[in-house]
């Protein structure tokens, strides 16, 4: 598989996607790689950051970079507000007086890339409306189930600073996100470049597709074939069990968290041009995939650093 022409084509396609994003989102190569990793792994992303760093722009750019054979992929933005209702997201059955029957009017989740902007500004009831969609790629209204397309990717955003008028995401909702990422402030030179070029207004409108939806689906299939040694899987299980037994943690990692870490590591390896997962993949991804899945009762612990330390300890154990 290492020298497979299909795999090489997939690697080039995914790198073109990262490079295309980098033309608009400046100086954030690692963040963009993790975002594409999550897309290829079939997960969803929660971006937690202060306003003005490009959270909305990155979603719009990603949608413009992917096409189908005959049309652009579907992109929808949902602005979450306190008065939003569940059917504003999923859709609703409407009565057609001409047909004398109800017909389904699909909501904005019936798209390929969905930006759930400021998701923590809506009520838990509305937030939970995304649960079935994110987990099953389907919406059930009344007695009918409506399936979404194979490529369905949710990018949710939230502001971690403002607490007034917000509703914290319940753990069941957080657990549906494969990764929680942060863009972070740019460095001085990058910020100067952003001010000079204004990429969201000058570059984004000119962005052309670099890959097709079918190629993303193919990349997902390729990622599932990436080899992960059983010892790395054992280390992942050991990591999860250590979080459950730690005195500073009241709720540890579930088996779903382990599965998502392995899936993300396979996709990450594919982006690096490898047909196998290595230790460093797990070390890099564990804080991003697992830190939002634990509940701490020790305020002195930092989630990301805590997960990384346990990952290092668990991986060290399989080599001794």
C-alpha atoms as a PDB file:
ATOM      1  CA  UNK A   1       0.000   0.000   0.000  1.00  0.00           C
ATOM      2  CA  UNK A   2       2.944   2.328   0.688  1.00  0.00           C
ATOM      3  CA  UNK A   3       3.683   2.794  -2.999  1.00  0.00           C
ATOM      4  CA  UNK A   4       0.135   2.402  -4.241  1.00  0.00           C
ATOM      5  CA  UNK A   5      -0.696   4.907  -7.032  1.00  0.00           C
ATOM      6  CA  UNK A   6      -4.167   5.388  -5.510  1.00  0.00           C
ATOM      7  CA  UNK A   7      -2.676   6.192  -2.116  1.00  0.00           C
ATOM      8  CA  UNK A   8      -0.169   8.619  -3.648  1.00  0.00           C
ATOM      9  CA  UNK A   9      -2.994  10.397  -5.482  1.00  0.00           C
ATOM     10  CA  UNK A  10      -4.966  10.592  -2.228  1.00  0.00           C
ATOM     11  CA  UNK A  11      -1.977  12.092  -0.406  1.00  0.00           C
ATOM     12  CA  UNK A  12      -1.566  14.775  -3.112  1.00  0.00           C
ATOM     13  CA  UNK A  13      -5.291  15.549  -3.025  1.00  0.00           C
ATOM     14  CA  UNK A  14      -5.356  16.021   0.741  1.00  0.00           C
ATOM     15  CA  UNK A  15      -2.218  18.157   0.729  1.00  0.00           C
ATOM     16  CA  UNK A  16      -3.793  20.337  -1.976  1.00  0.00           C
ATOM     17  CA  UNK A  17      -6.750  20.810   0.351  1.00  0.00           C
ATOM     18  CA  UNK A  18      -4.492  21.902   3.227  1.00  0.00           C
ATOM     19  CA  UNK A  19      -2.538  24.223   0.907  1.00  0.00           C
ATOM     20  CA  UNK A  20      -5.754  25.728  -0.455  1.00  0.00           C
ATOM     21  CA  UNK A  21      -6.968  26.489   3.053  1.00  0.00           C
ATOM     22  CA  UNK A  22      -3.586  28.008   3.840  1.00  0.00           C
ATOM     23  CA  UNK A  23      -4.015  30.629   1.125  1.00  0.00           C
ATOM     24  CA  UNK A  24      -6.862  32.152   3.129  1.00  0.00           C
ATOM     25  CA  UNK A  25      -6.088  31.090   6.718  1.00  0.00           C
ATOM     26  CA  UNK A  26      -2.539  32.333   7.127  1.00  0.00           C
ATOM     27  CA  UNK A  27       0.107  30.818   9.383  1.00  0.00           C
ATOM     28  CA  UNK A  28      -2.017  28.014  10.818  1.00  0.00           C
ATOM     29  CA  UNK A  29      -0.669  24.905   9.078  1.00  0.00           C
ATOM     30  CA  UNK A  30      -1.073  22.550  12.044  1.00  0.00           C
ATOM     31  CA  UNK A  31      -4.654  23.648  12.669  1.00  0.00           C
ATOM     32  CA  UNK A  32      -5.559  23.148   9.002  1.00  0.00           C
ATOM     33  CA  UNK A  33      -3.928  19.710   8.937  1.00  0.00           C
ATOM     34  CA  UNK A  34      -5.964  18.662  11.972  1.00  0.00           C
ATOM     35  CA  UNK A  35      -9.135  20.019  10.370  1.00  0.00           C
ATOM     36  CA  UNK A  36      -8.582  17.991   7.184  1.00  0.00           C
ATOM     37  CA  UNK A  37      -7.628  14.979   9.298  1.00  0.00           C
ATOM     38  CA  UNK A  38     -11.014  15.144  11.001  1.00  0.00           C
ATOM     39  CA  UNK A  39     -12.801  15.536   7.660  1.00  0.00           C
ATOM     40  CA  UNK A  40     -11.078  12.439   6.262  1.00  0.00           C
ATOM     41  CA  UNK A  41     -11.720  10.475   9.459  1.00  0.00           C
ATOM     42  CA  UNK A  42     -15.455  11.127   9.127  1.00  0.00           C
ATOM     43  CA  UNK A  43     -15.706  13.124  12.347  1.00  0.00           C
ATOM     44  CA  UNK A  44     -16.890  16.615  13.252  1.00  0.00           C
ATOM     45  CA  UNK A  45     -14.973  19.586  14.690  1.00  0.00           C
ATOM     46  CA  UNK A  46     -15.678  22.038  17.493  1.00  0.00           C
ATOM     47  CA  UNK A  47     -13.599  25.213  17.154  1.00  0.00           C
ATOM     48  CA  UNK A  48     -13.408  27.054  20.455  1.00  0.00           C
ATOM     49  CA  UNK A  49     -11.852  30.488  20.131  1.00  0.00           C
ATOM     50  CA  UNK A  50     -12.354  34.209  20.569  1.00  0.00           C
ATOM     51  CA  UNK A  51     -14.092  36.177  17.777  1.00  0.00           C
ATOM     52  CA  UNK A  52     -12.258  37.439  14.722  1.00  0.00           C
ATOM     53  CA  UNK A  53      -9.720  34.648  14.186  1.00  0.00           C
ATOM     54  CA  UNK A  54     -11.278  33.131  11.055  1.00  0.00           C
ATOM     55  CA  UNK A  55     -13.561  30.372  12.327  1.00  0.00           C
ATOM     56  CA  UNK A  56     -16.321  31.183   9.844  1.00  0.00           C
ATOM     57  CA  UNK A  57     -13.854  31.878   7.052  1.00  0.00           C
ATOM     58  CA  UNK A  58     -12.196  28.472   7.343  1.00  0.00           C
ATOM     59  CA  UNK A  59     -15.561  26.725   6.919  1.00  0.00           C
ATOM     60  CA  UNK A  60     -16.436  28.792   3.847  1.00  0.00           C
ATOM     61  CA  UNK A  61     -13.003  28.168   2.336  1.00  0.00           C
ATOM     62  CA  UNK A  62     -13.207  24.411   2.855  1.00  0.00           C
ATOM     63  CA  UNK A  63     -16.585  24.308   1.125  1.00  0.00           C
ATOM     64  CA  UNK A  64     -15.246  26.211  -1.889  1.00  0.00           C
ATOM     65  CA  UNK A  65     -12.281  23.839  -2.239  1.00  0.00           C
ATOM     66  CA  UNK A  66     -14.465  20.742  -2.727  1.00  0.00           C
ATOM     67  CA  UNK A  67     -16.830  20.123  -5.631  1.00  0.00           C
ATOM     68  CA  UNK A  68     -18.822  17.326  -7.213  1.00  0.00           C
ATOM     69  CA  UNK A  69     -18.602  16.397 -10.883  1.00  0.00           C
ATOM     70  CA  UNK A  70     -21.458  18.689 -11.849  1.00  0.00           C
ATOM     71  CA  UNK A  71     -21.957  21.208  -9.026  1.00  0.00           C
ATOM     72  CA  UNK A  72     -20.356  22.749  -5.934  1.00  0.00           C
ATOM     73  CA  UNK A  73     -20.941  20.928  -2.679  1.00  0.00           C
ATOM     74  CA  UNK A  74     -23.709  22.230  -0.435  1.00  0.00           C
ATOM     75  CA  UNK A  75     -22.638  24.619   2.324  1.00  0.00           C
ATOM     76  CA  UNK A  76     -24.992  25.967   4.975  1.00  0.00           C
ATOM     77  CA  UNK A  77     -24.397  28.293   7.911  1.00  0.00           C
ATOM     78  CA  UNK A  78     -26.652  28.110  10.972  1.00  0.00           C
ATOM     79  CA  UNK A  79     -26.465  31.055  13.362  1.00  0.00           C
ATOM     80  CA  UNK A  80     -27.414  29.629  16.742  1.00  0.00           C
ATOM     81  CA  UNK A  81     -29.527  32.021  18.823  1.00  0.00           C
ATOM     82  CA  UNK A  82     -31.661  31.613  21.969  1.00  0.00           C
ATOM     83  CA  UNK A  83     -34.915  31.633  19.944  1.00  0.00           C
ATOM     84  CA  UNK A  84     -33.820  28.914  17.496  1.00  0.00           C
ATOM     85  CA  UNK A  85     -36.066  25.822  17.400  1.00  0.00           C
ATOM     86  CA  UNK A  86     -35.072  22.212  16.592  1.00  0.00           C
ATOM     87  CA  UNK A  87     -37.018  22.135  13.315  1.00  0.00           C
ATOM     88  CA  UNK A  88     -35.130  25.260  12.204  1.00  0.00           C
ATOM     89  CA  UNK A  89     -32.152  22.906  11.951  1.00  0.00           C
ATOM     90  CA  UNK A  90     -33.552  19.547  10.910  1.00  0.00           C
ATOM     91  CA  UNK A  91     -36.568  20.567   8.833  1.00  0.00           C
ATOM     92  CA  UNK A  92     -40.310  20.048   9.245  1.00  0.00           C
ATOM     93  CA  UNK A  93     -43.337  18.410   7.618  1.00  0.00           C
ATOM     94  CA  UNK A  94     -45.517  21.051   5.933  1.00  0.00           C
ATOM     95  CA  UNK A  95     -49.071  20.558   4.709  1.00  0.00           C
ATOM     96  CA  UNK A  96     -49.493  20.945   0.952  1.00  0.00           C
ATOM     97  CA  UNK A  97     -53.116  22.019   0.306  1.00  0.00           C
ATOM     98  CA  UNK A  98     -52.889  21.096  -3.383  1.00  0.00           C
ATOM     99  CA  UNK A  99     -51.710  17.555  -2.699  1.00  0.00           C
ATOM    100  CA  UNK A 100     -53.719  17.332   0.541  1.00  0.00           C
ATOM    101  CA  UNK A 101     -50.739  15.726   2.200  1.00  0.00           C
ATOM    102  CA  UNK A 102     -47.708  16.595   4.277  1.00  0.00           C
ATOM    103  CA  UNK A 103     -44.344  16.974   2.563  1.00  0.00           C
ATOM    104  CA  UNK A 104     -40.944  17.280   4.177  1.00  0.00           C
ATOM    105  CA  UNK A 105     -39.158  20.637   3.960  1.00  0.00           C
ATOM    106  CA  UNK A 106     -35.479  19.912   4.689  1.00  0.00           C
ATOM    107  CA  UNK A 107     -33.541  22.086   7.108  1.00  0.00           C
ATOM    108  CA  UNK A 108     -30.013  23.478   6.703  1.00  0.00           C
ATOM    109  CA  UNK A 109     -28.388  20.281   7.992  1.00  0.00           C
ATOM    110  CA  UNK A 110     -29.107  18.778   4.577  1.00  0.00           C
ATOM    111  CA  UNK A 111     -25.777  19.946   3.238  1.00  0.00           C
ATOM    112  CA  UNK A 112     -22.241  18.604   2.887  1.00  0.00           C
ATOM    113  CA  UNK A 113     -20.525  21.126   5.139  1.00  0.00           C
ATOM    114  CA  UNK A 114     -22.528  22.765   7.924  1.00  0.00           C
ATOM    115  CA  UNK A 115     -21.212  25.662   9.978  1.00  0.00           C
ATOM    116  CA  UNK A 116     -22.949  25.678  13.376  1.00  0.00           C
ATOM    117  CA  UNK A 117     -21.931  29.175  14.425  1.00  0.00           C
ATOM    118  CA  UNK A 118     -21.875  29.993  18.152  1.00  0.00           C
ATOM    119  CA  UNK A 119     -23.534  26.693  18.984  1.00  0.00           C
ATOM    120  CA  UNK A 120     -23.536  27.458  22.709  1.00  0.00           C
ATOM    121  CA  UNK A 121     -25.952  30.386  22.237  1.00  0.00           C
ATOM    122  CA  UNK A 122     -28.943  28.094  21.713  1.00  0.00           C
ATOM    123  CA  UNK A 123     -30.806  25.998  24.262  1.00  0.00           C
ATOM    124  CA  UNK A 124     -29.819  22.385  25.047  1.00  0.00           C
ATOM    125  CA  UNK A 125     -32.975  21.197  23.264  1.00  0.00           C
ATOM    126  CA  UNK A 126     -31.773  22.781  20.024  1.00  0.00           C
ATOM    127  CA  UNK A 127     -28.209  21.566  20.527  1.00  0.00           C
ATOM    128  CA  UNK A 128     -29.481  18.012  20.950  1.00  0.00           C
ATOM    129  CA  UNK A 129     -31.265  18.246  17.594  1.00  0.00           C
ATOM    130  CA  UNK A 130     -27.843  17.792  16.038  1.00  0.00           C
ATOM    131  CA  UNK A 131     -27.138  14.560  17.929  1.00  0.00           C
ATOM    132  CA  UNK A 132     -28.857  12.109  15.598  1.00  0.00           C
ATOM    133  CA  UNK A 133     -27.646  13.971  12.525  1.00  0.00           C
ATOM    134  CA  UNK A 134     -24.002  13.971  13.627  1.00  0.00           C
ATOM    135  CA  UNK A 135     -24.065  10.367  14.802  1.00  0.00           C
ATOM    136  CA  UNK A 136     -26.207   8.710  12.147  1.00  0.00           C
ATOM    137  CA  UNK A 137     -26.195  11.051   9.115  1.00  0.00           C
ATOM    138  CA  UNK A 138     -29.974  11.068   9.165  1.00  0.00           C
ATOM    139  CA  UNK A 139     -32.970  13.063  10.382  1.00  0.00           C
ATOM    140  CA  UNK A 140     -36.192  11.557  11.690  1.00  0.00           C
ATOM    141  CA  UNK A 141     -39.326  13.704  11.443  1.00  0.00           C
ATOM    142  CA  UNK A 142     -42.618  12.063  12.330  1.00  0.00           C
ATOM    143  CA  UNK A 143     -42.504   8.471  11.117  1.00  0.00           C
ATOM    144  CA  UNK A 144     -40.033   9.045   8.305  1.00  0.00           C
ATOM    145  CA  UNK A 145     -36.246   8.964   8.307  1.00  0.00           C
ATOM    146  CA  UNK A 146     -34.396  11.153   5.819  1.00  0.00           C
ATOM    147  CA  UNK A 147     -30.792  10.263   4.984  1.00  0.00           C
ATOM    148  CA  UNK A 148     -28.054  12.797   4.305  1.00  0.00           C
ATOM    149  CA  UNK A 149     -25.317  12.497   1.681  1.00  0.00           C
ATOM    150  CA  UNK A 150     -22.174  10.495   2.417  1.00  0.00           C
ATOM    151  CA  UNK A 151     -20.102  13.649   2.862  1.00  0.00           C
ATOM    152  CA  UNK A 152     -21.500  15.430   5.904  1.00  0.00           C
ATOM    153  CA  UNK A 153     -19.126  17.511   8.025  1.00  0.00           C
ATOM    154  CA  UNK A 154     -20.121  19.788  10.904  1.00  0.00           C
ATOM    155  CA  UNK A 155     -17.845  22.638  11.954  1.00  0.00           C
ATOM    156  CA  UNK A 156     -19.230  24.124  15.162  1.00  0.00           C
ATOM    157  CA  UNK A 157     -17.862  27.259  16.816  1.00  0.00           C
ATOM    158  CA  UNK A 158     -18.177  28.715  20.272  1.00  0.00           C
ATOM    159  CA  UNK A 159     -16.712  31.637  22.177  1.00  0.00           C
ATOM    160  CA  UNK A 160     -15.052  30.381  25.394  1.00  0.00           C
ATOM    161  CA  UNK A 161     -15.033  33.793  27.097  1.00  0.00           C
ATOM    162  CA  UNK A 162     -18.581  35.158  27.046  1.00  0.00           C
ATOM    163  CA  UNK A 163     -20.820  33.326  29.511  1.00  0.00           C
ATOM    164  CA  UNK A 164     -23.886  35.574  29.506  1.00  0.00           C
ATOM    165  CA  UNK A 165     -26.614  34.245  27.233  1.00  0.00           C
ATOM    166  CA  UNK A 166     -24.824  30.963  26.540  1.00  0.00           C
ATOM    167  CA  UNK A 167     -25.590  27.317  27.354  1.00  0.00           C
ATOM    168  CA  UNK A 168     -22.668  24.993  27.947  1.00  0.00           C
ATOM    169  CA  UNK A 169     -22.656  22.005  25.628  1.00  0.00           C
ATOM    170  CA  UNK A 170     -23.658  18.826  27.493  1.00  0.00           C
ATOM    171  CA  UNK A 171     -21.129  16.014  27.499  1.00  0.00           C
ATOM    172  CA  UNK A 172     -23.318  13.915  25.180  1.00  0.00           C
ATOM    173  CA  UNK A 173     -23.066  16.684  22.578  1.00  0.00           C
ATOM    174  CA  UNK A 174     -19.344  17.264  23.091  1.00  0.00           C
ATOM    175  CA  UNK A 175     -18.729  13.550  22.664  1.00  0.00           C
ATOM    176  CA  UNK A 176     -20.059  13.737  19.097  1.00  0.00           C
ATOM    177  CA  UNK A 177     -17.162  15.972  18.062  1.00  0.00           C
ATOM    178  CA  UNK A 178     -14.045  14.074  17.056  1.00  0.00           C
ATOM    179  CA  UNK A 179     -11.794  17.053  17.855  1.00  0.00           C
ATOM    180  CA  UNK A 180     -11.924  20.308  19.739  1.00  0.00           C
ATOM    181  CA  UNK A 181      -9.534  22.756  18.077  1.00  0.00           C
ATOM    182  CA  UNK A 182      -8.375  26.323  18.574  1.00  0.00           C
ATOM    183  CA  UNK A 183      -7.035  28.580  15.834  1.00  0.00           C
ATOM    184  CA  UNK A 184      -5.219  30.977  18.170  1.00  0.00           C
ATOM    185  CA  UNK A 185      -3.814  34.411  17.484  1.00  0.00           C
ATOM    186  CA  UNK A 186      -1.411  34.779  14.528  1.00  0.00           C
ATOM    187  CA  UNK A 187       2.188  35.834  15.031  1.00  0.00           C
ATOM    188  CA  UNK A 188       3.217  39.416  14.277  1.00  0.00           C
ATOM    189  CA  UNK A 189       4.354  38.904  10.674  1.00  0.00           C
ATOM    190  CA  UNK A 190       1.336  36.759   9.810  1.00  0.00           C
ATOM    191  CA  UNK A 191      -1.028  39.341  11.276  1.00  0.00           C
ATOM    192  CA  UNK A 192       0.625  42.044   9.168  1.00  0.00           C
ATOM    193  CA  UNK A 193       0.161  39.865   6.058  1.00  0.00           C
ATOM    194  CA  UNK A 194      -3.517  39.391   6.922  1.00  0.00           C
ATOM    195  CA  UNK A 195      -4.026  43.143   7.230  1.00  0.00           C
ATOM    196  CA  UNK A 196      -2.285  43.805   3.908  1.00  0.00           C
ATOM    197  CA  UNK A 197      -3.980  41.057   1.896  1.00  0.00           C
ATOM    198  CA  UNK A 198      -7.409  40.871   3.625  1.00  0.00           C
ATOM    199  CA  UNK A 199      -7.704  37.222   2.457  1.00  0.00           C
ATOM    200  CA  UNK A 200     -11.336  36.676   3.511  1.00  0.00           C
ATOM    201  CA  UNK A 201     -12.467  39.407   1.096  1.00  0.00           C
ATOM    202  CA  UNK A 202      -9.802  39.388  -1.628  1.00  0.00           C
ATOM    203  CA  UNK A 203      -8.651  35.761  -1.839  1.00  0.00           C
ATOM    204  CA  UNK A 204     -11.637  33.692  -0.673  1.00  0.00           C
ATOM    205  CA  UNK A 205     -13.969  34.794  -3.529  1.00  0.00           C
ATOM    206  CA  UNK A 206     -11.342  33.614  -6.041  1.00  0.00           C
ATOM    207  CA  UNK A 207     -10.793  30.179  -4.480  1.00  0.00           C
ATOM    208  CA  UNK A 208     -11.362  27.316  -6.924  1.00  0.00           C
ATOM    209  CA  UNK A 209     -12.026  23.633  -6.099  1.00  0.00           C
ATOM    210  CA  UNK A 210      -8.942  21.433  -5.757  1.00  0.00           C
ATOM    211  CA  UNK A 211     -10.711  18.109  -5.218  1.00  0.00           C
ATOM    212  CA  UNK A 212     -14.077  16.426  -5.575  1.00  0.00           C
ATOM    213  CA  UNK A 213     -16.451  15.003  -3.013  1.00  0.00           C
ATOM    214  CA  UNK A 214     -15.794  11.576  -4.514  1.00  0.00           C
ATOM    215  CA  UNK A 215     -12.063  11.974  -3.805  1.00  0.00           C
ATOM    216  CA  UNK A 216     -12.797  12.775  -0.164  1.00  0.00           C
ATOM    217  CA  UNK A 217     -14.928   9.638   0.094  1.00  0.00           C
ATOM    218  CA  UNK A 218     -12.068   7.653  -1.495  1.00  0.00           C
ATOM    219  CA  UNK A 219      -9.634   9.168   1.031  1.00  0.00           C
ATOM    220  CA  UNK A 220     -11.907   8.002   3.847  1.00  0.00           C
ATOM    221  CA  UNK A 221     -11.785   4.474   2.477  1.00  0.00           C
ATOM    222  CA  UNK A 222      -8.001   4.661   2.178  1.00  0.00           C
ATOM    223  CA  UNK A 223      -7.686   5.915   5.760  1.00  0.00           C
ATOM    224  CA  UNK A 224      -9.529   2.865   7.084  1.00  0.00           C
ATOM    225  CA  UNK A 225      -6.827   0.685   5.493  1.00  0.00           C
ATOM    226  CA  UNK A 226      -3.945   2.448   7.252  1.00  0.00           C
ATOM    227  CA  UNK A 227      -2.194  -0.047   9.539  1.00  0.00           C
ATOM    228  CA  UNK A 228      -2.276   0.473  13.291  1.00  0.00           C
ATOM    229  CA  UNK A 229      -0.185  -1.923  15.364  1.00  0.00           C
ATOM    230  CA  UNK A 230      -2.014  -3.738  18.140  1.00  0.00           C
ATOM    231  CA  UNK A 231       0.495  -2.369  20.649  1.00  0.00           C
ATOM    232  CA  UNK A 232      -0.645   1.173  19.810  1.00  0.00           C
ATOM    233  CA  UNK A 233      -4.251   0.092  20.286  1.00  0.00           C
ATOM    234  CA  UNK A 234      -3.262  -1.419  23.636  1.00  0.00           C
ATOM    235  CA  UNK A 235      -1.644   1.875  24.633  1.00  0.00           C
ATOM    236  CA  UNK A 236      -4.847   3.717  23.678  1.00  0.00           C
ATOM    237  CA  UNK A 237      -6.930   1.421  25.897  1.00  0.00           C
ATOM    238  CA  UNK A 238      -4.396   1.843  28.711  1.00  0.00           C
ATOM    239  CA  UNK A 239      -4.671   5.623  28.323  1.00  0.00           C
ATOM    240  CA  UNK A 240      -8.448   5.514  28.635  1.00  0.00           C
ATOM    241  CA  UNK A 241      -8.349   3.277  31.692  1.00  0.00           C
ATOM    242  CA  UNK A 242      -5.811   5.523  33.399  1.00  0.00           C
ATOM    243  CA  UNK A 243      -8.180   8.482  33.024  1.00  0.00           C
ATOM    244  CA  UNK A 244     -10.986   6.477  34.647  1.00  0.00           C
ATOM    245  CA  UNK A 245      -8.806   5.455  37.603  1.00  0.00           C
ATOM    246  CA  UNK A 246      -7.173   8.867  38.182  1.00  0.00           C
ATOM    247  CA  UNK A 247      -8.173  10.630  41.382  1.00  0.00           C
ATOM    248  CA  UNK A 248      -8.394  14.008  39.666  1.00  0.00           C
ATOM    249  CA  UNK A 249     -10.894  12.810  37.068  1.00  0.00           C
ATOM    250  CA  UNK A 250     -14.569  12.197  37.810  1.00  0.00           C
ATOM    251  CA  UNK A 251     -15.432  10.946  34.301  1.00  0.00           C
ATOM    252  CA  UNK A 252     -12.825   9.309  32.085  1.00  0.00           C
ATOM    253  CA  UNK A 253     -12.510   8.344  28.441  1.00  0.00           C
ATOM    254  CA  UNK A 254     -15.124   6.007  26.938  1.00  0.00           C
ATOM    255  CA  UNK A 255     -14.506   3.321  24.277  1.00  0.00           C
ATOM    256  CA  UNK A 256     -15.924   5.783  21.706  1.00  0.00           C
ATOM    257  CA  UNK A 257     -13.068   8.147  22.533  1.00  0.00           C
ATOM    258  CA  UNK A 258     -10.559   5.332  21.892  1.00  0.00           C
ATOM    259  CA  UNK A 259     -12.161   4.522  18.547  1.00  0.00           C
ATOM    260  CA  UNK A 260     -12.085   8.161  17.465  1.00  0.00           C
ATOM    261  CA  UNK A 261      -8.422   8.510  18.454  1.00  0.00           C
ATOM    262  CA  UNK A 262      -7.468   5.491  16.325  1.00  0.00           C
ATOM    263  CA  UNK A 263      -9.575   6.704  13.382  1.00  0.00           C
ATOM    264  CA  UNK A 264      -8.037  10.174  13.599  1.00  0.00           C
ATOM    265  CA  UNK A 265      -4.521   8.702  13.826  1.00  0.00           C
ATOM    266  CA  UNK A 266      -5.075   6.663  10.667  1.00  0.00           C
ATOM    267  CA  UNK A 267      -6.250   9.740   8.758  1.00  0.00           C
ATOM    268  CA  UNK A 268      -3.380  11.819  10.151  1.00  0.00           C
ATOM    269  CA  UNK A 269      -0.869   9.188   9.009  1.00  0.00           C
ATOM    270  CA  UNK A 270      -2.435   9.246   5.530  1.00  0.00           C
ATOM    271  CA  UNK A 271      -1.934  13.009   5.339  1.00  0.00           C
ATOM    272  CA  UNK A 272       1.719  12.475   6.272  1.00  0.00           C
ATOM    273  CA  UNK A 273       2.150  10.026   3.395  1.00  0.00           C
ATOM    274  CA  UNK A 274       2.360   6.927   5.587  1.00  0.00           C
ATOM    275  CA  UNK A 275       0.435   3.665   5.437  1.00  0.00           C
ATOM    276  CA  UNK A 276       0.912   3.050   9.163  1.00  0.00           C
ATOM    277  CA  UNK A 277       0.336   4.838  12.468  1.00  0.00           C
ATOM    278  CA  UNK A 278       3.294   5.767  14.677  1.00  0.00           C
ATOM    279  CA  UNK A 279       3.581   6.747  18.340  1.00  0.00           C
ATOM    280  CA  UNK A 280       3.834  10.452  17.553  1.00  0.00           C
ATOM    281  CA  UNK A 281       0.458  10.409  15.811  1.00  0.00           C
ATOM    282  CA  UNK A 282      -1.211   9.375  19.051  1.00  0.00           C
ATOM    283  CA  UNK A 283       0.806  11.897  21.074  1.00  0.00           C
ATOM    284  CA  UNK A 284      -0.122  14.758  18.744  1.00  0.00           C
ATOM    285  CA  UNK A 285      -3.808  13.881  18.480  1.00  0.00           C
ATOM    286  CA  UNK A 286      -4.694  12.578  21.943  1.00  0.00           C
ATOM    287  CA  UNK A 287      -5.155  16.054  23.536  1.00  0.00           C
ATOM    288  CA  UNK A 288      -7.298  17.208  20.593  1.00  0.00           C
ATOM    289  CA  UNK A 289      -9.488  14.099  20.480  1.00  0.00           C
ATOM    290  CA  UNK A 290      -9.773  13.238  24.171  1.00  0.00           C
ATOM    291  CA  UNK A 291      -9.463  16.349  26.356  1.00  0.00           C
ATOM    292  CA  UNK A 292     -13.094  17.448  25.861  1.00  0.00           C
ATOM    293  CA  UNK A 293     -14.360  13.979  26.831  1.00  0.00           C
ATOM    294  CA  UNK A 294     -13.196  14.030  30.457  1.00  0.00           C
ATOM    295  CA  UNK A 295     -14.623  15.760  33.517  1.00  0.00           C
ATOM    296  CA  UNK A 296     -12.065  16.957  36.046  1.00  0.00           C
ATOM    297  CA  UNK A 297     -12.580  17.380  39.762  1.00  0.00           C
ATOM    298  CA  UNK A 298      -9.074  18.728  40.292  1.00  0.00           C
ATOM    299  CA  UNK A 299      -8.854  22.355  39.105  1.00  0.00           C
ATOM    300  CA  UNK A 300      -5.058  22.151  39.034  1.00  0.00           C
ATOM    301  CA  UNK A 301      -5.115  19.798  36.058  1.00  0.00           C
ATOM    302  CA  UNK A 302      -4.982  21.123  32.488  1.00  0.00           C
ATOM    303  CA  UNK A 303      -6.954  18.791  30.232  1.00  0.00           C
ATOM    304  CA  UNK A 304      -4.636  18.856  27.215  1.00  0.00           C
ATOM    305  CA  UNK A 305      -1.396  18.504  29.188  1.00  0.00           C
ATOM    306  CA  UNK A 306      -2.940  15.827  31.390  1.00  0.00           C
ATOM    307  CA  UNK A 307      -3.982  13.705  28.388  1.00  0.00           C
ATOM    308  CA  UNK A 308      -0.599  14.176  26.698  1.00  0.00           C
ATOM    309  CA  UNK A 309       1.294  13.053  29.815  1.00  0.00           C
ATOM    310  CA  UNK A 310      -0.825   9.929  30.179  1.00  0.00           C
ATOM    311  CA  UNK A 311      -0.421   9.178  26.454  1.00  0.00           C
ATOM    312  CA  UNK A 312       3.373   9.392  26.815  1.00  0.00           C
ATOM    313  CA  UNK A 313       3.251   7.133  29.861  1.00  0.00           C
ATOM    314  CA  UNK A 314       1.037   4.551  28.138  1.00  0.00           C
ATOM    315  CA  UNK A 315       3.176   4.490  24.985  1.00  0.00           C
ATOM    316  CA  UNK A 316       6.349   4.179  27.061  1.00  0.00           C
ATOM    317  CA  UNK A 317       4.832   1.106  28.695  1.00  0.00           C
ATOM    318  CA  UNK A 318       4.503  -0.832  25.440  1.00  0.00           C
ATOM    319  CA  UNK A 319       8.200  -0.379  24.639  1.00  0.00           C
ATOM    320  CA  UNK A 320       9.570  -1.548  27.983  1.00  0.00           C
END
